[in-house]
Amino acid sequence: MIKKQTPQLNVAKEWKPAVDALTPTLFHESWWLQAATSGSYEQVEVSDGCHVVGRFPYAVWQVPGRRFSGLPTLTHVLGPAICEGEGSANTRFLRRYTITRELIAKLPKLYRFRQRLHAGFQDALSFQAEGFQTGVQFNFEIAPQPQAEAWNKLRNKTRNVIRRAQEDLNVSELTDVDEFLKFYESNLAERGRHKLEAKHEVTAVCAAALQRGAGKILCTRDLQQRLTAATFLASDAKTAYYLMSTRKPDAGNGDISLLIWTAICLCGEKNLKFDFDGIAQEGAVLLYAGFGGQPTPRYIVAKDSKNFKLVAAIKGSLGRFPEENTFDL
């Protein structure tokens, strides 16, 4: 039994924006891409003659003579967005397959290309047919469910950590992006780490998401009202994504666990899936599994130009560089 009720936050109705086939995730929204890339993104489209039936956004970075493409700042997934229409499963598959290959064929020549595909896109065959490498990365997700059911699925150790944290901490909503990022960077500095990378884009994404009701910053404060931990969530009509978290070096592990639990409860109220944003390290597996998360696969697609492969082969033969993980995003 929960000793202390999770605070009921005033979640804006706009926290569940509309979604359609050509905007399957929050990260496909033009405003998100604009903020995450400082406007440096492009997209290709396929039309049936009357309507756009496929779009494929991608970010571009350029150094003299070379163009790279990967996932933009804080962008969890991307990949093709397809209007597959109606018909049998086979008919819809063939339509997706054809449209996707047409989109890929329209991509510009790039030195390197990497993307992690959104959960709604499972047709990696179309990328393989176009000479891409494909791989699988695992993520943890929690389906929306009543709070009591979610609580029962927690590991005993996780429940105990949350109970103890609830005795000494309060959860609230932080609306000042600058305060959140200043707190984030101060915690990095105390741990002797570098400053936040791509801060301009991170600030723009957080501010844009909060302004549109598609983002939320949750924080914990101790009994003296001192900020101890915070996390940034972004959501679309189906999923809430756990994108950033930070805590004071002297804060307990329960601070982040309490924030995750609060976010899971909010997702249950809004009928949103909770997405842990991938597995960054081995310790995350135990943490996420403790919340009842289920591992799910997602595809990664990659393609290197002949010039890149040649340069990589030469550098590798000289022994200067360790072997690179092809699907390291």
Protein backbone atom coordinates (compact mmCIF):
# COMPACT_ATOMS: atom_id res chain seq x y z
CA MET A 1 0.00 0.00 0.00
CA ILE A 2 1.29 3.46 -0.89
CA LYS A 3 1.97 5.47 2.24
CA LYS A 4 1.84 8.85 0.56
CA GLN A 5 -0.27 9.84 -2.41
CA THR A 6 1.59 10.88 -5.50
CA PRO A 7 0.85 14.61 -6.02
CA GLN A 8 -1.94 15.19 -8.52
CA LEU A 9 -0.42 17.59 -11.00
CA ASN A 10 -2.48 19.94 -13.11
CA VAL A 11 -1.70 18.42 -16.50
CA ALA A 12 -2.78 20.62 -19.38
CA LYS A 13 -5.16 19.04 -21.87
CA GLU A 14 -2.72 20.02 -24.62
CA TRP A 15 -0.33 17.40 -23.25
CA LYS A 16 -1.87 15.05 -25.85
CA PRO A 17 -1.58 16.80 -29.22
CA ALA A 18 -3.34 15.43 -32.27
CA VAL A 19 -1.44 12.90 -34.35
CA ASP A 20 -1.87 11.55 -37.86
CA ALA A 21 -0.11 9.16 -40.23
CA LEU A 22 2.30 11.81 -41.53
CA THR A 23 3.16 12.91 -37.99
CA PRO A 24 3.44 9.59 -36.16
CA THR A 25 5.48 10.96 -33.24
CA LEU A 26 6.20 14.22 -31.51
CA PHE A 27 9.63 14.21 -33.15
CA HIS A 28 8.10 14.44 -36.63
CA GLU A 29 6.44 17.77 -35.80
CA SER A 30 7.89 20.65 -37.80
CA TRP A 31 8.17 22.85 -34.70
CA TRP A 32 10.17 20.14 -32.87
CA LEU A 33 12.55 19.64 -35.79
CA GLN A 34 12.97 23.39 -36.18
CA ALA A 35 13.93 23.78 -32.53
CA ALA A 36 16.09 20.64 -32.34
CA THR A 37 18.19 21.53 -35.39
CA SER A 38 18.11 25.35 -35.33
CA GLY A 39 16.33 25.04 -38.66
CA SER A 40 18.94 22.73 -40.22
CA TYR A 41 16.66 19.91 -41.26
CA GLU A 42 15.23 18.74 -44.55
CA GLN A 43 12.63 16.25 -45.70
CA VAL A 44 11.67 14.32 -48.80
CA GLU A 45 8.08 13.56 -49.79
CA VAL A 46 6.14 11.16 -52.00
CA SER A 47 2.76 12.06 -53.48
CA ASP A 48 0.07 9.95 -55.14
CA GLY A 49 -0.65 12.83 -57.48
CA CYS A 50 -3.17 14.52 -55.20
CA HIS A 51 -1.93 14.07 -51.66
CA VAL A 52 1.34 13.53 -49.83
CA VAL A 53 1.44 9.86 -48.81
CA GLY A 54 4.94 9.74 -47.36
CA ARG A 55 7.47 12.06 -45.73
CA PHE A 56 10.92 11.45 -44.37
CA PRO A 57 12.54 14.23 -42.28
CA TYR A 58 16.24 14.21 -41.51
CA ALA A 59 18.79 16.54 -39.94
CA VAL A 60 21.88 17.67 -41.82
CA TRP A 61 25.29 18.79 -40.55
CA GLN A 62 27.93 19.97 -42.93
CA VAL A 63 31.69 20.31 -42.87
CA PRO A 64 33.65 21.31 -45.98
CA GLY A 65 32.79 18.81 -48.68
CA ARG A 66 30.87 16.46 -46.40
CA ARG A 67 27.24 16.21 -45.29
CA PHE A 68 26.23 14.07 -42.33
CA SER A 69 22.77 13.08 -41.12
CA GLY A 70 21.77 11.70 -37.73
CA LEU A 71 19.17 12.23 -35.04
CA PRO A 72 18.74 15.85 -33.92
CA THR A 73 19.13 17.04 -30.33
CA LEU A 74 16.74 15.29 -27.89
CA THR A 75 15.05 13.56 -30.82
CA HIS A 76 14.23 10.05 -29.69
CA VAL A 77 13.29 8.50 -33.02
CA LEU A 78 12.45 9.52 -36.58
CA GLY A 79 12.01 7.50 -39.76
CA PRO A 80 9.49 7.54 -42.61
CA ALA A 81 5.90 8.57 -42.01
CA ILE A 82 3.59 6.67 -44.36
CA CYS A 83 -0.09 6.86 -45.26
CA GLU A 84 -0.61 3.18 -46.03
CA GLY A 85 -4.32 3.51 -46.79
CA GLU A 86 -6.78 0.65 -46.54
CA GLY A 87 -6.82 -2.93 -47.78
CA SER A 88 -5.45 -6.30 -46.68
CA ALA A 89 -2.30 -6.59 -44.59
CA ASN A 90 -0.36 -7.63 -47.69
CA THR A 91 -1.69 -4.69 -49.72
CA ARG A 92 -0.74 -2.22 -46.98
CA PHE A 93 2.71 -3.78 -46.58
CA LEU A 94 3.44 -3.49 -50.30
CA ARG A 95 2.25 0.11 -50.29
CA ARG A 96 4.51 0.97 -47.32
CA TYR A 97 7.40 -0.87 -48.92
CA THR A 98 7.01 0.98 -52.22
CA ILE A 99 6.52 4.43 -50.68
CA THR A 100 9.49 3.96 -48.34
CA ARG A 101 11.81 2.96 -51.19
CA GLU A 102 10.67 6.01 -53.14
CA LEU A 103 11.45 8.22 -50.14
CA ILE A 104 14.89 6.67 -49.71
CA ALA A 105 15.64 7.17 -53.39
CA LYS A 106 14.98 10.89 -52.94
CA LEU A 107 17.49 11.32 -50.13
CA PRO A 108 20.53 13.39 -51.11
CA LYS A 109 24.03 11.96 -51.26
CA LEU A 110 25.41 11.98 -47.72
CA TYR A 111 28.77 11.11 -46.27
CA ARG A 112 27.06 9.23 -43.44
CA PHE A 113 23.42 8.58 -42.52
CA ARG A 114 22.00 7.23 -39.24
CA GLN A 115 18.45 7.07 -37.88
CA ARG A 116 16.57 5.20 -35.20
CA LEU A 117 13.09 4.37 -36.50
CA HIS A 118 9.88 5.06 -34.59
CA ALA A 119 7.92 2.14 -33.14
CA GLY A 120 5.19 2.47 -35.77
CA PHE A 121 7.64 1.68 -38.55
CA GLN A 122 8.73 -1.96 -38.69
CA ASP A 123 9.54 -2.34 -42.39
CA ALA A 124 13.34 -2.35 -42.34
CA LEU A 125 13.25 -4.55 -45.45
CA SER A 126 12.78 -1.47 -47.60
CA PHE A 127 16.04 -0.02 -46.23
CA GLN A 128 17.91 -3.27 -46.77
CA ALA A 129 16.67 -3.29 -50.37
CA GLU A 130 18.29 0.14 -50.81
CA GLY A 131 21.68 -0.96 -49.46
CA PHE A 132 21.31 0.22 -45.86
CA GLN A 133 22.66 -1.64 -42.88
CA THR A 134 19.99 -2.44 -40.30
CA GLY A 135 20.29 -3.21 -36.62
CA VAL A 136 18.14 -3.55 -33.52
CA GLN A 137 18.33 -1.53 -30.32
CA PHE A 138 16.27 -2.33 -27.25
CA ASN A 139 14.11 0.01 -25.22
CA PHE A 140 11.88 -0.31 -22.17
CA GLU A 141 8.23 0.76 -22.25
CA ILE A 142 5.30 0.73 -19.83
CA ALA A 143 1.75 0.56 -21.13
CA PRO A 144 -0.83 2.94 -19.64
CA GLN A 145 -2.63 1.35 -16.68
CA PRO A 146 -4.36 2.27 -13.40
CA GLN A 147 -2.02 3.44 -10.65
CA ALA A 148 -2.79 0.47 -8.38
CA GLU A 149 -1.97 -1.98 -11.17
CA ALA A 150 1.26 -0.16 -12.01
CA TRP A 151 2.25 -0.15 -8.33
CA ASN A 152 1.74 -3.91 -8.03
CA LYS A 153 4.09 -4.48 -11.00
CA LEU A 154 6.99 -2.69 -9.32
CA ARG A 155 9.76 -4.74 -7.75
CA ASN A 156 9.65 -4.72 -3.94
CA LYS A 157 12.98 -2.90 -3.84
CA THR A 158 11.68 -0.19 -6.19
CA ARG A 159 8.51 0.26 -4.10
CA ASN A 160 10.56 0.66 -0.93
CA VAL A 161 12.83 3.25 -2.55
CA ILE A 162 9.79 5.27 -3.67
CA ARG A 163 8.13 5.03 -0.24
CA ARG A 164 11.23 6.37 1.50
CA ALA A 165 11.56 9.19 -1.03
CA GLN A 166 7.91 10.19 -0.53
CA GLU A 167 8.56 10.70 3.18
CA ASP A 168 11.20 13.38 2.58
CA LEU A 169 10.40 14.85 -0.84
CA ASN A 170 7.64 16.66 -2.65
CA VAL A 171 7.03 16.42 -6.39
CA SER A 172 6.00 19.51 -8.31
CA GLU A 173 6.08 20.94 -11.79
CA LEU A 174 8.88 23.28 -12.87
CA THR A 175 7.92 25.75 -15.61
CA ASP A 176 11.16 27.71 -15.93
CA VAL A 177 13.36 26.09 -18.60
CA ASP A 178 16.35 28.26 -17.69
CA GLU A 179 16.12 27.18 -14.05
CA PHE A 180 15.97 23.52 -15.09
CA LEU A 181 19.00 23.75 -17.39
CA LYS A 182 21.00 25.81 -14.89
CA PHE A 183 20.31 23.09 -12.32
CA TYR A 184 21.25 20.42 -14.89
CA GLU A 185 24.58 22.10 -15.70
CA SER A 186 25.42 22.75 -12.06
CA ASN A 187 25.04 19.05 -11.35
CA LEU A 188 27.33 18.23 -14.28
CA ALA A 189 29.91 20.70 -12.97
CA GLU A 190 29.81 19.22 -9.45
CA ARG A 191 30.56 15.84 -10.98
CA GLY A 192 33.45 17.30 -12.96
CA ARG A 193 31.78 16.76 -16.32
CA HIS A 194 31.56 18.98 -19.37
CA LYS A 195 28.80 21.49 -19.86
CA LEU A 196 25.56 20.55 -21.57
CA GLU A 197 26.12 19.97 -25.28
CA ALA A 198 23.95 21.69 -27.89
CA LYS A 199 22.53 23.91 -25.16
CA HIS A 200 20.91 26.31 -27.63
CA GLU A 201 18.90 23.48 -29.22
CA VAL A 202 18.10 21.85 -25.87
CA THR A 203 16.75 25.17 -24.59
CA ALA A 204 14.71 25.70 -27.74
CA VAL A 205 13.21 22.20 -27.64
CA CYS A 206 12.26 22.37 -23.96
CA ALA A 207 10.74 25.84 -24.33
CA ALA A 208 8.80 24.93 -27.48
CA ALA A 209 7.45 21.73 -25.92
CA LEU A 210 6.31 23.47 -22.74
CA GLN A 211 4.74 26.30 -24.71
CA ARG A 212 2.66 23.80 -26.73
CA GLY A 213 1.69 21.64 -23.79
CA ALA A 214 3.76 18.79 -25.20
CA GLY A 215 6.44 18.91 -22.51
CA LYS A 216 6.66 18.78 -18.75
CA ILE A 217 9.46 19.27 -16.23
CA LEU A 218 8.93 17.41 -12.96
CA CYS A 219 11.12 18.08 -9.94
CA THR A 220 11.63 16.97 -6.37
CA ARG A 221 12.24 19.33 -3.48
CA ASP A 222 13.26 18.44 0.04
CA LEU A 223 11.48 19.62 3.19
CA GLN A 224 13.44 22.89 2.99
CA GLN A 225 12.13 23.39 -0.58
CA ARG A 226 15.57 22.89 -2.10
CA LEU A 227 15.65 21.45 -5.62
CA THR A 228 17.11 17.93 -5.51
CA ALA A 229 16.25 16.33 -8.89
CA ALA A 230 14.39 17.08 -12.12
CA THR A 231 13.36 15.38 -15.32
CA PHE A 232 12.09 16.56 -18.71
CA LEU A 233 9.30 14.61 -20.41
CA ALA A 234 7.87 15.20 -23.88
CA SER A 235 4.71 13.60 -25.21
CA ASP A 236 2.55 13.15 -28.26
CA ALA A 237 -0.92 11.61 -28.48
CA LYS A 238 0.33 8.10 -27.74
CA THR A 239 3.60 8.22 -25.81
CA ALA A 240 5.48 10.18 -23.17
CA TYR A 241 9.27 10.12 -23.61
CA TYR A 242 11.73 10.25 -20.71
CA LEU A 243 14.39 12.48 -22.29
CA MET A 244 16.44 14.21 -19.58
CA SER A 245 17.03 13.74 -15.87
CA THR A 246 19.44 15.16 -13.32
CA ARG A 247 19.94 15.14 -9.56
CA LYS A 248 22.19 16.71 -6.99
CA PRO A 249 25.31 14.61 -6.33
CA ASP A 250 24.30 14.26 -2.67
CA ALA A 251 20.68 13.35 -3.47
CA GLY A 252 19.51 9.80 -2.90
CA ASN A 253 18.63 7.36 -5.65
CA GLY A 254 15.01 7.69 -4.62
CA ASP A 255 14.70 11.17 -6.12
CA ILE A 256 14.81 9.94 -9.73
CA SER A 257 12.76 6.85 -8.90
CA LEU A 258 10.03 9.05 -7.43
CA LEU A 259 10.02 11.25 -10.54
CA ILE A 260 9.77 8.22 -12.83
CA TRP A 261 6.92 6.82 -10.74
CA THR A 262 5.09 10.15 -10.87
CA ALA A 263 5.50 10.25 -14.65
CA ILE A 264 4.16 6.69 -14.96
CA CYS A 265 1.10 7.68 -12.92
CA LEU A 266 0.50 10.71 -15.14
CA CYS A 267 0.77 8.50 -18.21
CA GLY A 268 -1.84 6.17 -16.77
CA GLU A 269 -4.22 9.09 -16.24
CA LYS A 270 -3.68 10.33 -19.81
CA ASN A 271 -3.63 6.88 -21.44
CA LEU A 272 -0.05 7.37 -22.61
CA LYS A 273 2.67 4.78 -22.98
CA PHE A 274 5.80 5.62 -20.97
CA ASP A 275 9.01 5.32 -23.01
CA PHE A 276 12.34 5.10 -21.16
CA ASP A 277 14.28 6.39 -24.21
CA GLY A 278 16.51 3.39 -24.79
CA ILE A 279 19.13 1.64 -22.70
CA ALA A 280 22.26 3.75 -22.27
CA GLN A 281 24.12 1.41 -19.94
CA GLU A 282 23.80 -1.91 -18.16
CA GLY A 283 22.60 -0.36 -14.91
CA ALA A 284 19.59 1.07 -16.69
CA VAL A 285 18.27 -2.44 -17.39
CA LEU A 286 17.82 -3.17 -13.68
CA LEU A 287 16.39 0.28 -12.97
CA TYR A 288 13.82 0.17 -15.77
CA ALA A 289 12.88 -3.46 -15.15
CA GLY A 290 12.20 -2.49 -11.54
CA PHE A 291 9.32 -0.34 -12.75
CA GLY A 292 7.76 -3.20 -14.67
CA GLY A 293 9.11 -2.02 -18.00
CA GLN A 294 8.99 -4.42 -20.92
CA PRO A 295 11.92 -4.60 -23.39
CA THR A 296 10.91 -3.76 -26.94
CA PRO A 297 13.03 -3.75 -30.13
CA ARG A 298 13.36 -0.86 -32.53
CA TYR A 299 15.25 -0.66 -35.77
CA ILE A 300 18.29 1.43 -36.61
CA VAL A 301 19.25 2.09 -40.23
CA ALA A 302 22.64 3.27 -41.42
CA LYS A 303 24.48 3.92 -44.65
CA ASP A 304 28.03 5.10 -45.26
CA SER A 305 29.30 6.54 -48.51
CA LYS A 306 32.11 4.86 -50.41
CA ASN A 307 34.41 7.76 -49.48
CA PHE A 308 33.69 7.29 -45.79
CA LYS A 309 34.34 3.54 -46.00
CA LEU A 310 37.63 4.20 -47.79
CA VAL A 311 38.79 6.75 -45.21
CA ALA A 312 37.70 4.47 -42.35
CA ALA A 313 39.57 1.53 -43.86
CA ILE A 314 42.76 3.58 -44.24
CA LYS A 315 42.59 4.92 -40.69
CA GLY A 316 41.84 1.45 -39.36
CA SER A 317 44.81 -0.04 -41.20
CA LEU A 318 47.09 2.54 -39.57
CA GLY A 319 45.86 1.48 -36.15
CA ARG A 320 44.92 5.00 -35.11
CA PHE A 321 41.31 4.47 -34.30
CA PRO A 322 39.44 1.72 -32.44
CA GLU A 323 36.73 -0.13 -34.31
CA GLU A 324 33.54 1.93 -34.36
CA ASN A 325 30.12 0.71 -33.36
CA THR A 326 28.15 1.04 -36.61
CA PHE A 327 24.90 1.69 -34.79
CA ASP A 328 26.16 4.04 -32.13
CA LEU A 329 23.71 6.97 -32.17
